[in-house]
Amino acid sequence: MSGDLAVLGVLGPRRAAALDAAVAQCLVNVARHAGVREAEVAIGFSGGEVTVAVMDSGVGFDEGDVPGDRIGLRTSIRARIEQERGTVRLWSTKGVGTTVVMAVPEGGE
């Protein structure tokens, strides 16, 4: 983990909980699918947004190949963050790893 956890203090409780749950789901996905035992989590605050990146050097995947009935990325991460007016960006390359960057605006409930 790198960065300053104190930046989470600029978020309202509901928004902070949504970000926390989305990060937890990212880590669950790493544990279940990446084939590695470690991930890096980086947190920061800039431009009125709290940003958290979760990075692994695992097997990677093609997002288009994820079956429609899988809810981890779609619901537990993307929908949760977008509900808080945030964004999710994902980069993944087979054999190289995956990076998920979540950003939510300060404030919220």
PDB file of N, CA and C in Angstrom:
ATOM      1  N   MET A   1       0.850  -1.166   0.000  1.00  0.00           N
ATOM      2  CA  MET A   1       0.000   0.000   0.000  1.00  0.00           C
ATOM      3  C   MET A   1       0.891   1.222   0.000  1.00  0.00           C
ATOM      4  N   SER A   2       0.567   2.159  -0.869  1.00  0.00           N
ATOM      5  CA  SER A   2       1.282   3.425  -0.870  1.00  0.00           C
ATOM      6  C   SER A   2       0.270   4.553  -0.913  1.00  0.00           C
ATOM      7  N   GLY A   3       0.694   5.708  -0.453  1.00  0.00           N
ATOM      8  CA  GLY A   3      -0.192   6.851  -0.381  1.00  0.00           C
ATOM      9  C   GLY A   3      -0.616   7.115   1.051  1.00  0.00           C
ATOM     10  N   ASP A   4      -1.549   8.029   1.201  1.00  0.00           N
ATOM     11  CA  ASP A   4      -1.967   8.488   2.518  1.00  0.00           C
ATOM     12  C   ASP A   4      -3.440   8.157   2.742  1.00  0.00           C
ATOM     13  N   LEU A   5      -3.717   7.207   3.629  1.00  0.00           N
ATOM     14  CA  LEU A   5      -5.102   6.830   3.917  1.00  0.00           C
ATOM     15  C   LEU A   5      -5.933   7.994   4.441  1.00  0.00           C
ATOM     16  N   ALA A   6      -5.298   9.022   4.965  1.00  0.00           N
ATOM     17  CA  ALA A   6      -6.031  10.173   5.502  1.00  0.00           C
ATOM     18  C   ALA A   6      -6.849  10.878   4.425  1.00  0.00           C
ATOM     19  N   VAL A   7      -6.494  10.709   3.153  1.00  0.00           N
ATOM     20  CA  VAL A   7      -7.270  11.368   2.099  1.00  0.00           C
ATOM     21  C   VAL A   7      -8.696  10.847   2.054  1.00  0.00           C
ATOM     22  N   LEU A   8      -8.938   9.668   2.597  1.00  0.00           N
ATOM     23  CA  LEU A   8     -10.303   9.147   2.629  1.00  0.00           C
ATOM     24  C   LEU A   8     -11.216  10.029   3.466  1.00  0.00           C
ATOM     25  N   GLY A   9     -10.639  10.854   4.321  1.00  0.00           N
ATOM     26  CA  GLY A   9     -11.415  11.764   5.154  1.00  0.00           C
ATOM     27  C   GLY A   9     -12.162  12.824   4.369  1.00  0.00           C
ATOM     28  N   VAL A  10     -11.829  13.025   3.104  1.00  0.00           N
ATOM     29  CA  VAL A  10     -12.548  14.019   2.293  1.00  0.00           C
ATOM     30  C   VAL A  10     -13.826  13.432   1.696  1.00  0.00           C
ATOM     31  N   LEU A  11     -14.061  12.132   1.933  1.00  0.00           N
ATOM     32  CA  LEU A  11     -15.254  11.470   1.400  1.00  0.00           C
ATOM     33  C   LEU A  11     -16.326  11.342   2.465  1.00  0.00           C
ATOM     34  N   GLY A  12     -17.577  11.453   2.036  1.00  0.00           N
ATOM     35  CA  GLY A  12     -18.680  11.162   2.932  1.00  0.00           C
ATOM     36  C   GLY A  12     -18.695   9.678   3.247  1.00  0.00           C
ATOM     37  N   PRO A  13     -19.383   9.271   4.323  1.00  0.00           N
ATOM     38  CA  PRO A  13     -19.347   7.869   4.750  1.00  0.00           C
ATOM     39  C   PRO A  13     -19.834   6.880   3.695  1.00  0.00           C
ATOM     40  N   ARG A  14     -20.905   7.202   2.984  1.00  0.00           N
ATOM     41  CA  ARG A  14     -21.427   6.272   1.974  1.00  0.00           C
ATOM     42  C   ARG A  14     -20.450   6.133   0.820  1.00  0.00           C
ATOM     43  N   ARG A  15     -19.882   7.246   0.387  1.00  0.00           N
ATOM     44  CA  ARG A  15     -18.924   7.215  -0.727  1.00  0.00           C
ATOM     45  C   ARG A  15     -17.660   6.464  -0.314  1.00  0.00           C
ATOM     46  N   ALA A  16     -17.187   6.691   0.907  1.00  0.00           N
ATOM     47  CA  ALA A  16     -16.010   5.977   1.394  1.00  0.00           C
ATOM     48  C   ALA A  16     -16.285   4.476   1.473  1.00  0.00           C
ATOM     49  N   ALA A  17     -17.480   4.100   1.929  1.00  0.00           N
ATOM     50  CA  ALA A  17     -17.837   2.684   2.025  1.00  0.00           C
ATOM     51  C   ALA A  17     -17.907   2.044   0.644  1.00  0.00           C
ATOM     52  N   ALA A  18     -18.434   2.765  -0.338  1.00  0.00           N
ATOM     53  CA  ALA A  18     -18.502   2.239  -1.708  1.00  0.00           C
ATOM     54  C   ALA A  18     -17.108   2.016  -2.267  1.00  0.00           C
ATOM     55  N   LEU A  19     -16.218   2.972  -2.048  1.00  0.00           N
ATOM     56  CA  LEU A  19     -14.843   2.828  -2.529  1.00  0.00           C
ATOM     57  C   LEU A  19     -14.155   1.666  -1.815  1.00  0.00           C
ATOM     58  N   ASP A  20     -14.342   1.557  -0.517  1.00  0.00           N
ATOM     59  CA  ASP A  20     -13.753   0.471   0.254  1.00  0.00           C
ATOM     60  C   ASP A  20     -14.226  -0.885  -0.269  1.00  0.00           C
ATOM     61  N   ALA A  21     -15.526  -1.014  -0.520  1.00  0.00           N
ATOM     62  CA  ALA A  21     -16.073  -2.286  -1.014  1.00  0.00           C
ATOM     63  C   ALA A  21     -15.554  -2.608  -2.414  1.00  0.00           C
ATOM     64  N   ALA A  22     -15.408  -1.593  -3.263  1.00  0.00           N
ATOM     65  CA  ALA A  22     -14.893  -1.819  -4.617  1.00  0.00           C
ATOM     66  C   ALA A  22     -13.433  -2.256  -4.577  1.00  0.00           C
ATOM     67  N   VAL A  23     -12.633  -1.634  -3.715  1.00  0.00           N
ATOM     68  CA  VAL A  23     -11.227  -2.041  -3.566  1.00  0.00           C
ATOM     69  C   VAL A  23     -11.160  -3.472  -3.044  1.00  0.00           C
ATOM     70  N   ALA A  24     -12.001  -3.798  -2.071  1.00  0.00           N
ATOM     71  CA  ALA A  24     -12.027  -5.162  -1.535  1.00  0.00           C
ATOM     72  C   ALA A  24     -12.343  -6.166  -2.637  1.00  0.00           C
ATOM     73  N   GLN A  25     -13.288  -5.825  -3.516  1.00  0.00           N
ATOM     74  CA  GLN A  25     -13.631  -6.732  -4.618  1.00  0.00           C
ATOM     75  C   GLN A  25     -12.462  -6.878  -5.583  1.00  0.00           C
ATOM     76  N   CYS A  26     -11.741  -5.799  -5.833  1.00  0.00           N
ATOM     77  CA  CYS A  26     -10.538  -5.900  -6.676  1.00  0.00           C
ATOM     78  C   CYS A  26      -9.556  -6.906  -6.078  1.00  0.00           C
ATOM     79  N   LEU A  27      -9.359  -6.834  -4.772  1.00  0.00           N
ATOM     80  CA  LEU A  27      -8.418  -7.740  -4.117  1.00  0.00           C
ATOM     81  C   LEU A  27      -8.925  -9.178  -4.125  1.00  0.00           C
ATOM     82  N   VAL A  28     -10.230  -9.365  -3.987  1.00  0.00           N
ATOM     83  CA  VAL A  28     -10.820 -10.696  -4.111  1.00  0.00           C
ATOM     84  C   VAL A  28     -10.554 -11.235  -5.518  1.00  0.00           C
ATOM     85  N   ASN A  29     -10.731 -10.385  -6.530  1.00  0.00           N
ATOM     86  CA  ASN A  29     -10.495 -10.815  -7.909  1.00  0.00           C
ATOM     87  C   ASN A  29      -9.035 -11.215  -8.119  1.00  0.00           C
ATOM     88  N   VAL A  30      -8.118 -10.459  -7.545  1.00  0.00           N
ATOM     89  CA  VAL A  30      -6.699 -10.818  -7.649  1.00  0.00           C
ATOM     90  C   VAL A  30      -6.490 -12.207  -7.039  1.00  0.00           C
ATOM     91  N   ALA A  31      -7.014 -12.411  -5.828  1.00  0.00           N
ATOM     92  CA  ALA A  31      -6.821 -13.682  -5.132  1.00  0.00           C
ATOM     93  C   ALA A  31      -7.431 -14.854  -5.899  1.00  0.00           C
ATOM     94  N   ARG A  32      -8.577 -14.636  -6.524  1.00  0.00           N
ATOM     95  CA  ARG A  32      -9.279 -15.722  -7.215  1.00  0.00           C
ATOM     96  C   ARG A  32      -8.764 -15.995  -8.623  1.00  0.00           C
ATOM     97  N   HIS A  33      -8.349 -14.945  -9.320  1.00  0.00           N
ATOM     98  CA  HIS A  33      -8.132 -15.099 -10.759  1.00  0.00           C
ATOM     99  C   HIS A  33      -6.733 -14.780 -11.270  1.00  0.00           C
ATOM    100  N   ALA A  34      -5.969 -13.981 -10.562  1.00  0.00           N
ATOM    101  CA  ALA A  34      -4.710 -13.474 -11.117  1.00  0.00           C
ATOM    102  C   ALA A  34      -3.561 -14.472 -11.071  1.00  0.00           C
ATOM    103  N   GLY A  35      -3.648 -15.443 -10.172  1.00  0.00           N
ATOM    104  CA  GLY A  35      -2.574 -16.407 -10.062  1.00  0.00           C
ATOM    105  C   GLY A  35      -1.338 -15.871  -9.355  1.00  0.00           C
ATOM    106  N   VAL A  36      -1.513 -14.788  -8.611  1.00  0.00           N
ATOM    107  CA  VAL A  36      -0.418 -14.221  -7.810  1.00  0.00           C
ATOM    108  C   VAL A  36      -0.924 -14.023  -6.387  1.00  0.00           C
ATOM    109  N   ARG A  37       0.011 -13.855  -5.476  1.00  0.00           N
ATOM    110  CA  ARG A  37      -0.352 -13.708  -4.067  1.00  0.00           C
ATOM    111  C   ARG A  37      -0.252 -12.277  -3.575  1.00  0.00           C
ATOM    112  N   GLU A  38       0.192 -11.364  -4.431  1.00  0.00           N
ATOM    113  CA  GLU A  38       0.369  -9.976  -4.007  1.00  0.00           C
ATOM    114  C   GLU A  38      -0.239  -9.021  -5.016  1.00  0.00           C
ATOM    115  N   ALA A  39      -0.662  -7.880  -4.512  1.00  0.00           N
ATOM    116  CA  ALA A  39      -1.141  -6.783  -5.346  1.00  0.00           C
ATOM    117  C   ALA A  39      -0.667  -5.494  -4.697  1.00  0.00           C
ATOM    118  N   GLU A  40      -0.539  -4.472  -5.493  1.00  0.00           N
ATOM    119  CA  GLU A  40      -0.179  -3.157  -4.967  1.00  0.00           C
ATOM    120  C   GLU A  40      -1.421  -2.282  -4.974  1.00  0.00           C
ATOM    121  N   VAL A  41      -1.614  -1.552  -3.894  1.00  0.00           N
ATOM    122  CA  VAL A  41      -2.716  -0.600  -3.782  1.00  0.00           C
ATOM    123  C   VAL A  41      -2.103   0.775  -3.555  1.00  0.00           C
ATOM    124  N   ALA A  42      -2.489   1.727  -4.393  1.00  0.00           N
ATOM    125  CA  ALA A  42      -1.990   3.104  -4.273  1.00  0.00           C
ATOM    126  C   ALA A  42      -3.186   4.030  -4.147  1.00  0.00           C
ATOM    127  N   ILE A  43      -3.094   4.978  -3.221  1.00  0.00           N
ATOM    128  CA  ILE A  43      -4.190   5.910  -2.985  1.00  0.00           C
ATOM    129  C   ILE A  43      -3.659   7.333  -3.069  1.00  0.00           C
ATOM    130  N   GLY A  44      -4.477   8.226  -3.610  1.00  0.00           N
ATOM    131  CA  GLY A  44      -4.065   9.617  -3.706  1.00  0.00           C
ATOM    132  C   GLY A  44      -5.261  10.541  -3.819  1.00  0.00           C
ATOM    133  N   PHE A  45      -4.991  11.823  -3.750  1.00  0.00           N
ATOM    134  CA  PHE A  45      -6.029  12.847  -3.854  1.00  0.00           C
ATOM    135  C   PHE A  45      -5.494  13.971  -4.722  1.00  0.00           C
ATOM    136  N   SER A  46      -6.237  14.299  -5.770  1.00  0.00           N
ATOM    137  CA  SER A  46      -5.843  15.381  -6.663  1.00  0.00           C
ATOM    138  C   SER A  46      -7.064  15.840  -7.449  1.00  0.00           C
ATOM    139  N   GLY A  47      -7.126  17.135  -7.710  1.00  0.00           N
ATOM    140  CA  GLY A  47      -8.207  17.660  -8.540  1.00  0.00           C
ATOM    141  C   GLY A  47      -9.588  17.387  -8.001  1.00  0.00           C
ATOM    142  N   GLY A  48      -9.719  17.289  -6.687  1.00  0.00           N
ATOM    143  CA  GLY A  48     -11.036  17.065  -6.085  1.00  0.00           C
ATOM    144  C   GLY A  48     -11.490  15.619  -6.122  1.00  0.00           C
ATOM    145  N   GLU A  49     -10.583  14.695  -6.444  1.00  0.00           N
ATOM    146  CA  GLU A  49     -10.935  13.280  -6.506  1.00  0.00           C
ATOM    147  C   GLU A  49      -9.980  12.427  -5.672  1.00  0.00           C
ATOM    148  N   VAL A  50     -10.557  11.426  -5.029  1.00  0.00           N
ATOM    149  CA  VAL A  50      -9.751  10.383  -4.392  1.00  0.00           C
ATOM    150  C   VAL A  50      -9.602   9.274  -5.428  1.00  0.00           C
ATOM    151  N   THR A  51      -8.372   8.858  -5.653  1.00  0.00           N
ATOM    152  CA  THR A  51      -8.082   7.810  -6.625  1.00  0.00           C
ATOM    153  C   THR A  51      -7.400   6.644  -5.924  1.00  0.00           C
ATOM    154  N   VAL A  52      -7.863   5.451  -6.235  1.00  0.00           N
ATOM    155  CA  VAL A  52      -7.238   4.233  -5.729  1.00  0.00           C
ATOM    156  C   VAL A  52      -6.947   3.340  -6.924  1.00  0.00           C
ATOM    157  N   ALA A  53      -5.707   2.876  -7.006  1.00  0.00           N
ATOM    158  CA  ALA A  53      -5.308   1.942  -8.053  1.00  0.00           C
ATOM    159  C   ALA A  53      -4.951   0.612  -7.405  1.00  0.00           C
ATOM    160  N   VAL A  54      -5.429  -0.464  -8.000  1.00  0.00           N
ATOM    161  CA  VAL A  54      -5.079  -1.815  -7.571  1.00  0.00           C
ATOM    162  C   VAL A  54      -4.381  -2.472  -8.753  1.00  0.00           C
ATOM    163  N   MET A  55      -3.128  -2.892  -8.532  1.00  0.00           N
ATOM    164  CA  MET A  55      -2.305  -3.425  -9.612  1.00  0.00           C
ATOM    165  C   MET A  55      -1.766  -4.794  -9.244  1.00  0.00           C
ATOM    166  N   ASP A  56      -1.795  -5.708 -10.217  1.00  0.00           N
ATOM    167  CA  ASP A  56      -1.177  -7.016  -9.997  1.00  0.00           C
ATOM    168  C   ASP A  56      -0.366  -7.394 -11.228  1.00  0.00           C
ATOM    169  N   SER A  57       0.529  -8.324 -11.037  1.00  0.00           N
ATOM    170  CA  SER A  57       1.351  -8.816 -12.146  1.00  0.00           C
ATOM    171  C   SER A  57       0.950 -10.249 -12.480  1.00  0.00           C
ATOM    172  N   GLY A  58      -0.346 -10.497 -12.456  1.00  0.00           N
ATOM    173  CA  GLY A  58      -0.879 -11.841 -12.670  1.00  0.00           C
ATOM    174  C   GLY A  58      -1.083 -12.196 -14.129  1.00  0.00           C
ATOM    175  N   VAL A  59      -2.015 -13.113 -14.346  1.00  0.00           N
ATOM    176  CA  VAL A  59      -2.227 -13.685 -15.672  1.00  0.00           C
ATOM    177  C   VAL A  59      -2.906 -12.717 -16.646  1.00  0.00           C
ATOM    178  N   GLY A  60      -3.570 -11.702 -16.136  1.00  0.00           N
ATOM    179  CA  GLY A  60      -4.283 -10.766 -17.006  1.00  0.00           C
ATOM    180  C   GLY A  60      -5.486 -11.422 -17.664  1.00  0.00           C
ATOM    181  N   PHE A  61      -6.284 -10.613 -18.335  1.00  0.00           N
ATOM    182  CA  PHE A  61      -7.483 -11.142 -19.000  1.00  0.00           C
ATOM    183  C   PHE A  61      -7.989 -10.133 -20.016  1.00  0.00           C
ATOM    184  N   ASP A  62      -8.905 -10.587 -20.856  1.00  0.00           N
ATOM    185  CA  ASP A  62      -9.594  -9.718 -21.804  1.00  0.00           C
ATOM    186  C   ASP A  62     -10.977  -9.457 -21.224  1.00  0.00           C
ATOM    187  N   GLU A  63     -11.268  -8.208 -20.936  1.00  0.00           N
ATOM    188  CA  GLU A  63     -12.549  -7.873 -20.287  1.00  0.00           C
ATOM    189  C   GLU A  63     -13.739  -8.362 -21.106  1.00  0.00           C
ATOM    190  N   GLY A  64     -13.607  -8.378 -22.412  1.00  0.00           N
ATOM    191  CA  GLY A  64     -14.687  -8.852 -23.272  1.00  0.00           C
ATOM    192  C   GLY A  64     -14.968 -10.339 -23.125  1.00  0.00           C
ATOM    193  N   ASP A  65     -14.038 -11.089 -22.556  1.00  0.00           N
ATOM    194  CA  ASP A  65     -14.218 -12.532 -22.371  1.00  0.00           C
ATOM    195  C   ASP A  65     -14.899 -12.880 -21.047  1.00  0.00           C
ATOM    196  N   VAL A  66     -15.161 -11.884 -20.201  1.00  0.00           N
ATOM    197  CA  VAL A  66     -15.788 -12.153 -18.902  1.00  0.00           C
ATOM    198  C   VAL A  66     -17.265 -12.478 -19.138  1.00  0.00           C
ATOM    199  N   PRO A  67     -17.721 -13.647 -18.695  1.00  0.00           N
ATOM    200  CA  PRO A  67     -19.120 -14.028 -18.901  1.00  0.00           C
ATOM    201  C   PRO A  67     -20.086 -13.007 -18.291  1.00  0.00           C
ATOM    202  N   GLY A  68     -21.224 -12.835 -18.931  1.00  0.00           N
ATOM    203  CA  GLY A  68     -22.223 -11.855 -18.517  1.00  0.00           C
ATOM    204  C   GLY A  68     -22.790 -12.080 -17.131  1.00  0.00           C
ATOM    205  N   ASP A  69     -22.724 -13.318 -16.641  1.00  0.00           N
ATOM    206  CA  ASP A  69     -23.290 -13.601 -15.321  1.00  0.00           C
ATOM    207  C   ASP A  69     -22.313 -13.311 -14.178  1.00  0.00           C
ATOM    208  N   ARG A  70     -21.100 -12.880 -14.496  1.00  0.00           N
ATOM    209  CA  ARG A  70     -20.095 -12.556 -13.466  1.00  0.00           C
ATOM    210  C   ARG A  70     -20.316 -11.118 -13.012  1.00  0.00           C
ATOM    211  N   ILE A  71     -20.472 -10.913 -11.711  1.00  0.00           N
ATOM    212  CA  ILE A  71     -20.836  -9.582 -11.220  1.00  0.00           C
ATOM    213  C   ILE A  71     -19.701  -8.820 -10.557  1.00  0.00           C
ATOM    214  N   GLY A  72     -18.549  -9.463 -10.327  1.00  0.00           N
ATOM    215  CA  GLY A  72     -17.457  -8.810  -9.607  1.00  0.00           C
ATOM    216  C   GLY A  72     -17.059  -7.476 -10.201  1.00  0.00           C
ATOM    217  N   LEU A  73     -16.627  -7.484 -11.435  1.00  0.00           N
ATOM    218  CA  LEU A  73     -16.169  -6.252 -12.081  1.00  0.00           C
ATOM    219  C   LEU A  73     -17.332  -5.335 -12.429  1.00  0.00           C
ATOM    220  N   ARG A  74     -18.399  -5.887 -12.997  1.00  0.00           N
ATOM    221  CA  ARG A  74     -19.523  -5.062 -13.466  1.00  0.00           C
ATOM    222  C   ARG A  74     -20.297  -4.398 -12.334  1.00  0.00           C
ATOM    223  N   THR A  75     -20.643  -5.169 -11.322  1.00  0.00           N
ATOM    224  CA  THR A  75     -21.524  -4.671 -10.266  1.00  0.00           C
ATOM    225  C   THR A  75     -20.761  -4.248  -9.018  1.00  0.00           C
ATOM    226  N   SER A  76     -19.912  -5.125  -8.524  1.00  0.00           N
ATOM    227  CA  SER A  76     -19.242  -4.869  -7.253  1.00  0.00           C
ATOM    228  C   SER A  76     -18.168  -3.794  -7.357  1.00  0.00           C
ATOM    229  N   ILE A  77     -17.705  -3.535  -8.566  1.00  0.00           N
ATOM    230  CA  ILE A  77     -16.693  -2.486  -8.738  1.00  0.00           C
ATOM    231  C   ILE A  77     -17.276  -1.339  -9.557  1.00  0.00           C
ATOM    232  N   ARG A  78     -17.500  -1.573 -10.853  1.00  0.00           N
ATOM    233  CA  ARG A  78     -17.885  -0.496 -11.766  1.00  0.00           C
ATOM    234  C   ARG A  78     -19.192   0.190 -11.355  1.00  0.00           C
ATOM    235  N   ALA A  79     -20.257  -0.561 -11.166  1.00  0.00           N
ATOM    236  CA  ALA A  79     -21.556   0.045 -10.833  1.00  0.00           C
ATOM    237  C   ALA A  79     -21.511   0.761  -9.490  1.00  0.00           C
ATOM    238  N   ARG A  80     -20.818   0.188  -8.535  1.00  0.00           N
ATOM    239  CA  ARG A  80     -20.717   0.783  -7.200  1.00  0.00           C
ATOM    240  C   ARG A  80     -20.025   2.151  -7.271  1.00  0.00           C
ATOM    241  N   ILE A  81     -18.933   2.239  -8.024  1.00  0.00           N
ATOM    242  CA  ILE A  81     -18.195   3.497  -8.140  1.00  0.00           C
ATOM    243  C   ILE A  81     -18.982   4.507  -8.975  1.00  0.00           C
ATOM    244  N   GLU A  82     -19.572   4.065 -10.077  1.00  0.00           N
ATOM    245  CA  GLU A  82     -20.348   4.982 -10.920  1.00  0.00           C
ATOM    246  C   GLU A  82     -21.563   5.534 -10.185  1.00  0.00           C
ATOM    247  N   GLN A  83     -22.139   4.754  -9.264  1.00  0.00           N
ATOM    248  CA  GLN A  83     -23.262   5.237  -8.455  1.00  0.00           C
ATOM    249  C   GLN A  83     -22.846   6.427  -7.600  1.00  0.00           C
ATOM    250  N   GLU A  84     -21.563   6.509  -7.281  1.00  0.00           N
ATOM    251  CA  GLU A  84     -21.033   7.625  -6.485  1.00  0.00           C
ATOM    252  C   GLU A  84     -20.412   8.710  -7.379  1.00  0.00           C
ATOM    253  N   ARG A  85     -20.823   8.738  -8.644  1.00  0.00           N
ATOM    254  CA  ARG A  85     -20.353   9.727  -9.630  1.00  0.00           C
ATOM    255  C   ARG A  85     -18.863   9.581  -9.937  1.00  0.00           C
ATOM    256  N   GLY A  86     -18.353   8.378  -9.742  1.00  0.00           N
ATOM    257  CA  GLY A  86     -16.943   8.120  -9.998  1.00  0.00           C
ATOM    258  C   GLY A  86     -16.711   7.410 -11.315  1.00  0.00           C
ATOM    259  N   THR A  87     -15.452   7.095 -11.562  1.00  0.00           N
ATOM    260  CA  THR A  87     -15.066   6.402 -12.793  1.00  0.00           C
ATOM    261  C   THR A  87     -14.166   5.209 -12.456  1.00  0.00           C
ATOM    262  N   VAL A  88     -14.198   4.231 -13.340  1.00  0.00           N
ATOM    263  CA  VAL A  88     -13.331   3.063 -13.237  1.00  0.00           C
ATOM    264  C   VAL A  88     -12.648   2.885 -14.582  1.00  0.00           C
ATOM    265  N   ARG A  89     -11.329   2.759 -14.529  1.00  0.00           N
ATOM    266  CA  ARG A  89     -10.553   2.447 -15.736  1.00  0.00           C
ATOM    267  C   ARG A  89      -9.806   1.152 -15.468  1.00  0.00           C
ATOM    268  N   LEU A  90      -9.749   0.304 -16.491  1.00  0.00           N
ATOM    269  CA  LEU A  90      -9.120  -0.995 -16.342  1.00  0.00           C
ATOM    270  C   LEU A  90      -8.172  -1.233 -17.505  1.00  0.00           C
ATOM    271  N   TRP A  91      -6.976  -1.688 -17.176  1.00  0.00           N
ATOM    272  CA  TRP A  91      -6.009  -2.123 -18.179  1.00  0.00           C
ATOM    273  C   TRP A  91      -5.586  -3.525 -17.800  1.00  0.00           C
ATOM    274  N   SER A  92      -5.633  -4.438 -18.749  1.00  0.00           N
ATOM    275  CA  SER A  92      -5.193  -5.794 -18.476  1.00  0.00           C
ATOM    276  C   SER A  92      -4.591  -6.383 -19.745  1.00  0.00           C
ATOM    277  N   THR A  93      -3.485  -7.069 -19.555  1.00  0.00           N
ATOM    278  CA  THR A  93      -2.814  -7.736 -20.665  1.00  0.00           C
ATOM    279  C   THR A  93      -2.504  -9.153 -20.230  1.00  0.00           C
ATOM    280  N   LYS A  94      -2.925 -10.113 -21.045  1.00  0.00           N
ATOM    281  CA  LYS A  94      -2.664 -11.511 -20.712  1.00  0.00           C
ATOM    282  C   LYS A  94      -1.170 -11.722 -20.544  1.00  0.00           C
ATOM    283  N   GLY A  95      -0.808 -12.360 -19.432  1.00  0.00           N
ATOM    284  CA  GLY A  95       0.571 -12.660 -19.130  1.00  0.00           C
ATOM    285  C   GLY A  95       1.346 -11.525 -18.475  1.00  0.00           C
ATOM    286  N   VAL A  96       0.719 -10.348 -18.360  1.00  0.00           N
ATOM    287  CA  VAL A  96       1.407  -9.179 -17.789  1.00  0.00           C
ATOM    288  C   VAL A  96       0.761  -8.731 -16.479  1.00  0.00           C
ATOM    289  N   GLY A  97      -0.564  -8.699 -16.434  1.00  0.00           N
ATOM    290  CA  GLY A  97      -1.246  -8.277 -15.218  1.00  0.00           C
ATOM    291  C   GLY A  97      -2.396  -7.339 -15.485  1.00  0.00           C
ATOM    292  N   THR A  98      -2.942  -6.825 -14.391  1.00  0.00           N
ATOM    293  CA  THR A  98      -4.137  -5.989 -14.443  1.00  0.00           C
ATOM    294  C   THR A  98      -3.970  -4.791 -13.526  1.00  0.00           C
ATOM    295  N   THR A  99      -4.473  -3.649 -13.984  1.00  0.00           N
ATOM    296  CA  THR A  99      -4.548  -2.443 -13.167  1.00  0.00           C
ATOM    297  C   THR A  99      -5.975  -1.915 -13.225  1.00  0.00           C
ATOM    298  N   VAL A 100      -6.555  -1.671 -12.070  1.00  0.00           N
ATOM    299  CA  VAL A 100      -7.882  -1.058 -11.969  1.00  0.00           C
ATOM    300  C   VAL A 100      -7.710   0.262 -11.227  1.00  0.00           C
ATOM    301  N   VAL A 101      -8.141   1.352 -11.855  1.00  0.00           N
ATOM    302  CA  VAL A 101      -8.054   2.682 -11.247  1.00  0.00           C
ATOM    303  C   VAL A 101      -9.469   3.194 -11.016  1.00  0.00           C
ATOM    304  N   MET A 102      -9.781   3.461  -9.750  1.00  0.00           N
ATOM    305  CA  MET A 102     -11.094   3.973  -9.369  1.00  0.00           C
ATOM    306  C   MET A 102     -10.933   5.391  -8.830  1.00  0.00           C
ATOM    307  N   ALA A 103     -11.782   6.292  -9.279  1.00  0.00           N
ATOM    308  CA  ALA A 103     -11.733   7.683  -8.811  1.00  0.00           C
ATOM    309  C   ALA A 103     -13.139   8.128  -8.437  1.00  0.00           C
ATOM    310  N   VAL A 104     -13.254   8.748  -7.273  1.00  0.00           N
ATOM    311  CA  VAL A 104     -14.535   9.302  -6.834  1.00  0.00           C
ATOM    312  C   VAL A 104     -14.321  10.739  -6.378  1.00  0.00           C
ATOM    313  N   PRO A 105     -15.312  11.599  -6.655  1.00  0.00           N
ATOM    314  CA  PRO A 105     -15.154  12.993  -6.214  1.00  0.00           C
ATOM    315  C   PRO A 105     -15.263  13.114  -4.700  1.00  0.00           C
ATOM    316  N   GLU A 106     -14.565  14.108  -4.166  1.00  0.00           N
ATOM    317  CA  GLU A 106     -14.648  14.360  -2.733  1.00  0.00           C
ATOM    318  C   GLU A 106     -16.085  14.676  -2.364  1.00  0.00           C
ATOM    319  N   GLY A 107     -16.389  14.566  -1.092  1.00  0.00           N
ATOM    320  CA  GLY A 107     -17.739  14.859  -0.614  1.00  0.00           C
ATOM    321  C   GLY A 107     -18.622  13.644  -0.686  1.00  0.00           C
ATOM    322  N   GLY A 108     -19.875  13.880  -1.026  1.00  0.00           N
ATOM    323  CA  GLY A 108     -20.864  12.797  -1.056  1.00  0.00           C
ATOM    324  C   GLY A 108     -21.451  12.591   0.319  1.00  0.00           C
ATOM    325  N   GLU A 109     -22.366  11.683   0.369  1.00  0.00           N
ATOM    326  CA  GLU A 109     -23.019  11.386   1.650  1.00  0.00           C
ATOM    327  C   GLU A 109     -22.202  10.433   2.458  1.00  0.00           C
TER     328      GLU A 109
END
